[in-house]
Amino acid sequence: MATKLTPAETVHLVITSSIAIGGQIKRTGDVVEVSEADAQRILERGKARLATADDVPAAAAAEPEGEAKTETDAAPKRQRRK
């Protein structure tokens, strides 16, 4: 059974180039929460940058410990252009 990561063990990133994370495609501008190890690999590949307080949705930043949302809940919804 996988252990649940605590907030200190996760990092918020802003995607700068599309990448698959956890089997889902993340596009430029998406904000994701990943483990420190995954963040290091993604940053080394130049696919993301560290998120600032302005990048992280207020709801995700204000949640009490132990109730963190999943990365898909924290990411803003994107709409397709017509």
C-alpha atoms as a PDB file:
ATOM      1  CA  MET A   1       0.000   0.000   0.000  1.00  0.00           C
ATOM      2  CA  ALA A   2       1.351   3.408  -0.978  1.00  0.00           C
ATOM      3  CA  THR A   3       1.992   5.863   1.799  1.00  0.00           C
ATOM      4  CA  LYS A   4       0.182   9.190   1.723  1.00  0.00           C
ATOM      5  CA  LEU A   5       2.492  12.142   1.230  1.00  0.00           C
ATOM      6  CA  THR A   6       2.414  14.949   3.741  1.00  0.00           C
ATOM      7  CA  PRO A   7       2.354  18.559   2.516  1.00  0.00           C
ATOM      8  CA  ALA A   8       6.076  18.883   3.314  1.00  0.00           C
ATOM      9  CA  GLU A   9       6.794  16.043   0.885  1.00  0.00           C
ATOM     10  CA  THR A  10       4.879  17.534  -2.036  1.00  0.00           C
ATOM     11  CA  VAL A  11       5.643  20.418  -4.365  1.00  0.00           C
ATOM     12  CA  HIS A  12       3.385  22.578  -6.550  1.00  0.00           C
ATOM     13  CA  LEU A  13       4.626  23.084 -10.105  1.00  0.00           C
ATOM     14  CA  VAL A  14       3.404  25.150 -13.048  1.00  0.00           C
ATOM     15  CA  ILE A  15       3.691  23.150 -16.262  1.00  0.00           C
ATOM     16  CA  THR A  16       5.677  24.971 -18.980  1.00  0.00           C
ATOM     17  CA  SER A  17       5.571  22.207 -21.611  1.00  0.00           C
ATOM     18  CA  SER A  18       2.954  19.455 -21.929  1.00  0.00           C
ATOM     19  CA  ILE A  19       3.782  16.282 -20.016  1.00  0.00           C
ATOM     20  CA  ALA A  20       2.040  13.133 -18.793  1.00  0.00           C
ATOM     21  CA  ILE A  21       1.792  12.891 -14.993  1.00  0.00           C
ATOM     22  CA  GLY A  22       0.022   9.962 -13.393  1.00  0.00           C
ATOM     23  CA  GLY A  23      -1.353   8.866 -16.756  1.00  0.00           C
ATOM     24  CA  GLN A  24      -2.958  12.246 -17.446  1.00  0.00           C
ATOM     25  CA  ILE A  25      -1.781  14.886 -19.895  1.00  0.00           C
ATOM     26  CA  LYS A  26      -0.946  18.193 -18.211  1.00  0.00           C
ATOM     27  CA  ARG A  27      -0.783  21.247 -20.443  1.00  0.00           C
ATOM     28  CA  THR A  28       1.135  24.509 -20.238  1.00  0.00           C
ATOM     29  CA  GLY A  29      -0.193  26.630 -17.386  1.00  0.00           C
ATOM     30  CA  ASP A  30      -1.652  23.742 -15.363  1.00  0.00           C
ATOM     31  CA  VAL A  31      -0.724  23.708 -11.663  1.00  0.00           C
ATOM     32  CA  VAL A  32       0.058  20.250 -10.289  1.00  0.00           C
ATOM     33  CA  GLU A  33       1.053  18.850  -6.908  1.00  0.00           C
ATOM     34  CA  VAL A  34       3.688  16.104  -7.070  1.00  0.00           C
ATOM     35  CA  SER A  35       6.191  14.406  -4.784  1.00  0.00           C
ATOM     36  CA  GLU A  36       9.581  16.063  -4.254  1.00  0.00           C
ATOM     37  CA  ALA A  37      11.281  13.282  -6.253  1.00  0.00           C
ATOM     38  CA  ASP A  38       8.884  13.673  -9.205  1.00  0.00           C
ATOM     39  CA  ALA A  39       9.232  17.462  -9.024  1.00  0.00           C
ATOM     40  CA  GLN A  40      13.011  17.197  -9.248  1.00  0.00           C
ATOM     41  CA  ARG A  41      12.800  14.993 -12.361  1.00  0.00           C
ATOM     42  CA  ILE A  42      10.214  17.244 -14.033  1.00  0.00           C
ATOM     43  CA  LEU A  43      12.222  20.398 -13.253  1.00  0.00           C
ATOM     44  CA  GLU A  44      15.464  18.832 -14.542  1.00  0.00           C
ATOM     45  CA  ARG A  45      13.713  18.050 -17.839  1.00  0.00           C
ATOM     46  CA  GLY A  46      12.597  21.675 -18.148  1.00  0.00           C
ATOM     47  CA  LYS A  47       8.907  20.749 -18.238  1.00  0.00           C
ATOM     48  CA  ALA A  48       7.819  22.948 -15.316  1.00  0.00           C
ATOM     49  CA  ARG A  49       8.779  25.686 -12.888  1.00  0.00           C
ATOM     50  CA  LEU A  50       8.153  25.990  -9.169  1.00  0.00           C
ATOM     51  CA  ALA A  51       4.761  27.496  -8.413  1.00  0.00           C
ATOM     52  CA  THR A  52       4.499  30.706  -6.412  1.00  0.00           C
ATOM     53  CA  ALA A  53       1.735  31.569  -3.947  1.00  0.00           C
ATOM     54  CA  ASP A  54      -0.008  33.426  -6.793  1.00  0.00           C
ATOM     55  CA  ASP A  55      -0.013  30.281  -8.965  1.00  0.00           C
ATOM     56  CA  VAL A  56      -1.532  27.916  -6.393  1.00  0.00           C
ATOM     57  CA  PRO A  57      -5.339  28.143  -6.148  1.00  0.00           C
ATOM     58  CA  ALA A  58      -6.412  29.684  -2.841  1.00  0.00           C
ATOM     59  CA  ALA A  59      -8.555  26.667  -1.898  1.00  0.00           C
ATOM     60  CA  ALA A  60      -5.589  24.277  -2.166  1.00  0.00           C
ATOM     61  CA  ALA A  61      -3.275  26.567  -0.202  1.00  0.00           C
ATOM     62  CA  ALA A  62      -5.790  27.135   2.619  1.00  0.00           C
ATOM     63  CA  GLU A  63      -6.723  23.482   3.238  1.00  0.00           C
ATOM     64  CA  PRO A  64      -5.846  21.960   6.581  1.00  0.00           C
ATOM     65  CA  GLU A  65      -3.252  19.199   6.648  1.00  0.00           C
ATOM     66  CA  GLY A  66      -4.489  15.746   5.752  1.00  0.00           C
ATOM     67  CA  GLU A  67      -7.212  17.043   3.453  1.00  0.00           C
ATOM     68  CA  ALA A  68      -5.141  17.969   0.412  1.00  0.00           C
ATOM     69  CA  LYS A  69      -6.902  17.782  -2.905  1.00  0.00           C
ATOM     70  CA  THR A  70      -5.621  15.685  -5.755  1.00  0.00           C
ATOM     71  CA  GLU A  71      -3.602  17.345  -8.467  1.00  0.00           C
ATOM     72  CA  THR A  72      -6.584  17.302 -10.842  1.00  0.00           C
ATOM     73  CA  ASP A  73      -8.821  19.040  -8.279  1.00  0.00           C
ATOM     74  CA  ALA A  74      -6.232  21.771  -7.743  1.00  0.00           C
ATOM     75  CA  ALA A  75      -5.641  22.407 -11.447  1.00  0.00           C
ATOM     76  CA  PRO A  76      -7.834  25.037 -13.110  1.00  0.00           C
ATOM     77  CA  LYS A  77     -10.217  23.763 -15.768  1.00  0.00           C
ATOM     78  CA  ARG A  78      -9.156  24.565 -19.315  1.00  0.00           C
ATOM     79  CA  GLN A  79     -11.608  25.217 -22.105  1.00  0.00           C
ATOM     80  CA  ARG A  80     -11.043  24.373 -25.725  1.00  0.00           C
ATOM     81  CA  ARG A  81     -11.061  27.083 -28.326  1.00  0.00           C
ATOM     82  CA  LYS A  82     -13.648  26.811 -31.034  1.00  0.00           C
END
